[in-house]
Amino acid sequence: MKKLTKQEQKDEAWEAFSAIVNPAKEALDAIVKPAREACQAIEAPAWKAYLAKCDEIEQQKDDDIRIIDGKRYKLIEEK
């Protein structure tokens, strides 16, 4: 039986490590990838709605909005 060099021993240890870790990472990816896609499907329209609301707020005049006790009130002019 041939004695392995230090590098060959390290290579064998790496292969053993990879044989254990790679299937675990593949299992994790099988769970995470669909979850990430589902999250992005929800996040993208919500982000667009947020940006639209920000644009709407920016369009308003500052003196037309009052914040009282954390609630926003729009002032209405009496005629």
C-alpha atoms as a PDB file:
ATOM      1  CA  MET A   1       0.000   0.000   0.000  1.00  0.00           C
ATOM      2  CA  LYS A   2       1.323   3.355  -1.073  1.00  0.00           C
ATOM      3  CA  LYS A   3       1.535   6.162   1.447  1.00  0.00           C
ATOM      4  CA  LEU A   4      -0.362   9.242   0.277  1.00  0.00           C
ATOM      5  CA  THR A   5       1.256  12.649   0.195  1.00  0.00           C
ATOM      6  CA  LYS A   6      -0.181  15.445   2.307  1.00  0.00           C
ATOM      7  CA  GLN A   7      -1.770  17.004  -0.780  1.00  0.00           C
ATOM      8  CA  GLU A   8      -3.352  13.701  -1.804  1.00  0.00           C
ATOM      9  CA  GLN A   9      -4.734  13.299   1.732  1.00  0.00           C
ATOM     10  CA  LYS A  10      -6.154  16.823   1.579  1.00  0.00           C
ATOM     11  CA  ASP A  11      -7.694  16.084  -1.830  1.00  0.00           C
ATOM     12  CA  GLU A  12      -9.365  12.935  -0.479  1.00  0.00           C
ATOM     13  CA  ALA A  13     -10.655  14.846   2.540  1.00  0.00           C
ATOM     14  CA  TRP A  14     -12.050  17.530   0.204  1.00  0.00           C
ATOM     15  CA  GLU A  15     -13.800  14.910  -1.916  1.00  0.00           C
ATOM     16  CA  ALA A  16     -15.364  13.383   1.212  1.00  0.00           C
ATOM     17  CA  PHE A  17     -16.472  16.832   2.377  1.00  0.00           C
ATOM     18  CA  SER A  18     -17.916  17.642  -1.055  1.00  0.00           C
ATOM     19  CA  ALA A  19     -19.800  14.341  -1.163  1.00  0.00           C
ATOM     20  CA  ILE A  20     -21.604  15.349   2.029  1.00  0.00           C
ATOM     21  CA  VAL A  21     -22.080  19.077   1.470  1.00  0.00           C
ATOM     22  CA  ASN A  22     -23.071  19.197  -2.213  1.00  0.00           C
ATOM     23  CA  PRO A  23     -26.318  17.177  -1.802  1.00  0.00           C
ATOM     24  CA  ALA A  24     -27.232  19.342   1.194  1.00  0.00           C
ATOM     25  CA  LYS A  25     -26.697  22.511  -0.845  1.00  0.00           C
ATOM     26  CA  GLU A  26     -28.760  21.081  -3.709  1.00  0.00           C
ATOM     27  CA  ALA A  27     -31.594  20.306  -1.272  1.00  0.00           C
ATOM     28  CA  LEU A  28     -31.400  23.835   0.107  1.00  0.00           C
ATOM     29  CA  ASP A  29     -31.479  25.325  -3.392  1.00  0.00           C
ATOM     30  CA  ALA A  30     -34.539  23.216  -4.208  1.00  0.00           C
ATOM     31  CA  ILE A  31     -36.345  24.925  -1.327  1.00  0.00           C
ATOM     32  CA  VAL A  32     -34.903  28.427  -1.550  1.00  0.00           C
ATOM     33  CA  LYS A  33     -35.198  29.006  -5.299  1.00  0.00           C
ATOM     34  CA  PRO A  34     -39.005  28.607  -5.500  1.00  0.00           C
ATOM     35  CA  ALA A  35     -39.433  30.602  -2.295  1.00  0.00           C
ATOM     36  CA  ARG A  36     -37.264  33.409  -3.677  1.00  0.00           C
ATOM     37  CA  GLU A  37     -39.269  33.455  -6.921  1.00  0.00           C
ATOM     38  CA  ALA A  38     -42.552  33.586  -4.979  1.00  0.00           C
ATOM     39  CA  CYS A  39     -41.221  36.441  -2.869  1.00  0.00           C
ATOM     40  CA  GLN A  40     -40.115  38.369  -5.952  1.00  0.00           C
ATOM     41  CA  ALA A  41     -43.534  37.827  -7.562  1.00  0.00           C
ATOM     42  CA  ILE A  42     -45.095  39.528  -4.544  1.00  0.00           C
ATOM     43  CA  GLU A  43     -42.406  42.141  -4.041  1.00  0.00           C
ATOM     44  CA  ALA A  44     -42.281  43.522  -7.600  1.00  0.00           C
ATOM     45  CA  PRO A  45     -45.916  44.739  -7.759  1.00  0.00           C
ATOM     46  CA  ALA A  46     -45.739  45.983  -4.176  1.00  0.00           C
ATOM     47  CA  TRP A  47     -42.630  48.004  -5.058  1.00  0.00           C
ATOM     48  CA  LYS A  48     -44.399  49.503  -8.086  1.00  0.00           C
ATOM     49  CA  ALA A  49     -47.382  50.432  -5.901  1.00  0.00           C
ATOM     50  CA  TYR A  50     -45.043  52.019  -3.363  1.00  0.00           C
ATOM     51  CA  LEU A  51     -43.320  54.092  -6.048  1.00  0.00           C
ATOM     52  CA  ALA A  52     -46.686  55.166  -7.466  1.00  0.00           C
ATOM     53  CA  LYS A  53     -47.822  56.266  -3.993  1.00  0.00           C
ATOM     54  CA  CYS A  54     -44.570  58.178  -3.506  1.00  0.00           C
ATOM     55  CA  ASP A  55     -45.138  59.954  -6.829  1.00  0.00           C
ATOM     56  CA  GLU A  56     -48.706  60.767  -5.789  1.00  0.00           C
ATOM     57  CA  ILE A  57     -47.469  62.208  -2.499  1.00  0.00           C
ATOM     58  CA  GLU A  58     -44.794  64.273  -4.253  1.00  0.00           C
ATOM     59  CA  GLN A  59     -47.441  65.742  -6.579  1.00  0.00           C
ATOM     60  CA  GLN A  60     -49.421  67.127  -3.643  1.00  0.00           C
ATOM     61  CA  LYS A  61     -48.833  70.606  -2.353  1.00  0.00           C
ATOM     62  CA  ASP A  62     -47.246  70.638   1.070  1.00  0.00           C
ATOM     63  CA  ASP A  63     -49.782  73.058   2.484  1.00  0.00           C
ATOM     64  CA  ASP A  64     -52.711  70.805   1.490  1.00  0.00           C
ATOM     65  CA  ILE A  65     -51.725  67.987   3.859  1.00  0.00           C
ATOM     66  CA  ARG A  66     -51.777  68.053   7.644  1.00  0.00           C
ATOM     67  CA  ILE A  67     -50.590  65.230   9.860  1.00  0.00           C
ATOM     68  CA  ILE A  68     -52.481  65.037  13.139  1.00  0.00           C
ATOM     69  CA  ASP A  69     -51.809  62.160  15.562  1.00  0.00           C
ATOM     70  CA  GLY A  70     -49.972  60.291  12.822  1.00  0.00           C
ATOM     71  CA  LYS A  71     -52.894  60.489  10.382  1.00  0.00           C
ATOM     72  CA  ARG A  72     -52.776  62.424   7.134  1.00  0.00           C
ATOM     73  CA  TYR A  73     -55.580  64.878   6.427  1.00  0.00           C
ATOM     74  CA  LYS A  74     -56.062  66.750   3.185  1.00  0.00           C
ATOM     75  CA  LEU A  75     -57.307  70.314   3.571  1.00  0.00           C
ATOM     76  CA  ILE A  76     -60.398  71.203   1.585  1.00  0.00           C
ATOM     77  CA  GLU A  77     -61.088  74.781   0.596  1.00  0.00           C
ATOM     78  CA  GLU A  78     -64.524  76.139   1.389  1.00  0.00           C
ATOM     79  CA  LYS A  79     -66.221  78.182  -1.287  1.00  0.00           C
END
